[in-house]
Amino acid sequence: MVECHANVKILARKQHRQLVKLVAGLQRLGLTILHLNVTTTSSSDQMVLYTVSFKVEEGCYLNTVDEIAAAVNKMLRRIIEEGSC
């Protein structure tokens, strides 16, 4: 993280509406997306790599890289759990 900007790479199994939920979740955390790149694999495991650059907005409770990583990880686990129901 540099000043109030951070980059995150997320590798996950591809699911329906996952990207929409991910973007909405990042915005709820107080992270404004500046750039988003999506790379998918053509293999049978259907993995997707999200590379996200964002700005940590004023008032966001996430202050360190570890806090951001933990919050994104928790959010992604919740998205995966909802998708498997």
C-alpha atoms as a PDB file:
ATOM      1  CA  MET A   1       0.000   0.000   0.000  1.00  0.00           C
ATOM      2  CA  VAL A   2       1.332   3.406  -0.966  1.00  0.00           C
ATOM      3  CA  GLU A   3      -0.288   6.380   0.753  1.00  0.00           C
ATOM      4  CA  CYS A   4      -3.995   5.633   0.273  1.00  0.00           C
ATOM      5  CA  HIS A   5      -3.658   3.377  -2.788  1.00  0.00           C
ATOM      6  CA  ALA A   6      -3.399  -0.403  -2.794  1.00  0.00           C
ATOM      7  CA  ASN A   7      -3.305  -3.311  -5.224  1.00  0.00           C
ATOM      8  CA  VAL A   8      -4.852  -6.719  -4.588  1.00  0.00           C
ATOM      9  CA  LYS A   9      -4.721  -9.938  -6.590  1.00  0.00           C
ATOM     10  CA  ILE A  10      -7.465 -12.465  -5.949  1.00  0.00           C
ATOM     11  CA  LEU A  11      -7.408 -16.004  -7.361  1.00  0.00           C
ATOM     12  CA  ALA A  12     -10.667 -17.917  -7.017  1.00  0.00           C
ATOM     13  CA  ARG A  13     -12.839 -20.541  -8.623  1.00  0.00           C
ATOM     14  CA  LYS A  14     -15.184 -18.778 -11.062  1.00  0.00           C
ATOM     15  CA  GLN A  15     -18.807 -18.414  -9.918  1.00  0.00           C
ATOM     16  CA  HIS A  16     -21.946 -16.773 -11.270  1.00  0.00           C
ATOM     17  CA  ARG A  17     -22.202 -13.042 -10.294  1.00  0.00           C
ATOM     18  CA  GLN A  18     -18.942 -13.247  -8.319  1.00  0.00           C
ATOM     19  CA  LEU A  19     -17.455 -10.106  -9.870  1.00  0.00           C
ATOM     20  CA  VAL A  20     -20.565  -8.009  -9.189  1.00  0.00           C
ATOM     21  CA  LYS A  21     -20.594  -9.107  -5.545  1.00  0.00           C
ATOM     22  CA  LEU A  22     -16.854  -8.484  -5.236  1.00  0.00           C
ATOM     23  CA  VAL A  23     -17.114  -4.925  -6.597  1.00  0.00           C
ATOM     24  CA  ALA A  24     -20.089  -4.131  -4.354  1.00  0.00           C
ATOM     25  CA  GLY A  25     -18.264  -5.557  -1.336  1.00  0.00           C
ATOM     26  CA  LEU A  26     -15.139  -3.499  -1.996  1.00  0.00           C
ATOM     27  CA  GLN A  27     -17.243  -0.351  -2.250  1.00  0.00           C
ATOM     28  CA  ARG A  28     -19.000  -1.159   1.048  1.00  0.00           C
ATOM     29  CA  LEU A  29     -15.571  -1.466   2.691  1.00  0.00           C
ATOM     30  CA  GLY A  30     -14.723   2.094   1.607  1.00  0.00           C
ATOM     31  CA  LEU A  31     -12.436   1.075  -1.257  1.00  0.00           C
ATOM     32  CA  THR A  32     -12.915   2.908  -4.548  1.00  0.00           C
ATOM     33  CA  ILE A  33     -11.849   0.830  -7.548  1.00  0.00           C
ATOM     34  CA  LEU A  34      -9.478   2.647  -9.865  1.00  0.00           C
ATOM     35  CA  HIS A  35      -8.580  -0.265 -12.153  1.00  0.00           C
ATOM     36  CA  LEU A  36      -9.844  -3.825 -12.448  1.00  0.00           C
ATOM     37  CA  ASN A  37      -8.471  -6.595 -14.638  1.00  0.00           C
ATOM     38  CA  VAL A  38     -10.074 -10.038 -14.963  1.00  0.00           C
ATOM     39  CA  THR A  39      -8.166 -13.040 -16.309  1.00  0.00           C
ATOM     40  CA  THR A  40      -9.841 -16.426 -16.681  1.00  0.00           C
ATOM     41  CA  THR A  41      -8.420 -19.831 -17.423  1.00  0.00           C
ATOM     42  CA  SER A  42      -9.758 -22.129 -20.097  1.00  0.00           C
ATOM     43  CA  SER A  43      -8.943 -25.239 -18.090  1.00  0.00           C
ATOM     44  CA  SER A  44     -11.532 -27.467 -16.472  1.00  0.00           C
ATOM     45  CA  ASP A  45     -11.039 -25.877 -13.023  1.00  0.00           C
ATOM     46  CA  GLN A  46     -12.438 -22.505 -14.242  1.00  0.00           C
ATOM     47  CA  MET A  47     -10.229 -20.227 -12.153  1.00  0.00           C
ATOM     48  CA  VAL A  48     -10.334 -16.447 -12.345  1.00  0.00           C
ATOM     49  CA  LEU A  49      -7.694 -13.885 -11.340  1.00  0.00           C
ATOM     50  CA  TYR A  50      -8.910 -10.441 -10.327  1.00  0.00           C
ATOM     51  CA  THR A  51      -6.260  -7.717 -10.188  1.00  0.00           C
ATOM     52  CA  VAL A  52      -7.670  -4.656  -8.474  1.00  0.00           C
ATOM     53  CA  SER A  53      -6.163  -1.226  -7.835  1.00  0.00           C
ATOM     54  CA  PHE A  54      -8.128   0.917  -5.448  1.00  0.00           C
ATOM     55  CA  LYS A  55      -8.070   3.983  -3.276  1.00  0.00           C
ATOM     56  CA  VAL A  56      -8.725   3.655   0.442  1.00  0.00           C
ATOM     57  CA  GLU A  57     -11.299   6.358   1.109  1.00  0.00           C
ATOM     58  CA  GLU A  58     -11.250   8.676   4.096  1.00  0.00           C
ATOM     59  CA  GLY A  59     -13.176   7.129   6.954  1.00  0.00           C
ATOM     60  CA  CYS A  60     -12.380   3.565   5.884  1.00  0.00           C
ATOM     61  CA  TYR A  61     -11.570   1.462   8.948  1.00  0.00           C
ATOM     62  CA  LEU A  62      -8.937  -0.570   7.044  1.00  0.00           C
ATOM     63  CA  ASN A  63      -5.553   1.000   7.722  1.00  0.00           C
ATOM     64  CA  THR A  64      -2.973  -1.651   6.867  1.00  0.00           C
ATOM     65  CA  VAL A  65      -2.297  -4.134   4.096  1.00  0.00           C
ATOM     66  CA  ASP A  66      -3.023  -7.002   6.503  1.00  0.00           C
ATOM     67  CA  GLU A  67      -6.410  -5.525   7.434  1.00  0.00           C
ATOM     68  CA  ILE A  68      -7.331  -5.061   3.763  1.00  0.00           C
ATOM     69  CA  ALA A  69      -6.228  -8.603   2.886  1.00  0.00           C
ATOM     70  CA  ALA A  70      -8.201 -10.078   5.797  1.00  0.00           C
ATOM     71  CA  ALA A  71     -11.354  -8.123   4.899  1.00  0.00           C
ATOM     72  CA  VAL A  72     -11.146  -9.088   1.206  1.00  0.00           C
ATOM     73  CA  ASN A  73     -10.489 -12.723   2.138  1.00  0.00           C
ATOM     74  CA  LYS A  74     -13.499 -12.791   4.479  1.00  0.00           C
ATOM     75  CA  MET A  75     -15.706 -11.177   1.843  1.00  0.00           C
ATOM     76  CA  LEU A  76     -14.619 -13.654  -0.841  1.00  0.00           C
ATOM     77  CA  ARG A  77     -15.276 -16.624   1.465  1.00  0.00           C
ATOM     78  CA  ARG A  78     -18.790 -15.277   2.069  1.00  0.00           C
ATOM     79  CA  ILE A  79     -19.366 -14.883  -1.686  1.00  0.00           C
ATOM     80  CA  ILE A  80     -18.183 -18.450  -2.305  1.00  0.00           C
ATOM     81  CA  GLU A  81     -20.408 -19.811   0.479  1.00  0.00           C
ATOM     82  CA  GLU A  82     -23.451 -17.968  -0.899  1.00  0.00           C
ATOM     83  CA  GLY A  83     -22.719 -19.315  -4.391  1.00  0.00           C
ATOM     84  CA  SER A  84     -22.564 -22.917  -3.219  1.00  0.00           C
ATOM     85  CA  CYS A  85     -26.018 -22.813  -1.569  1.00  0.00           C
END
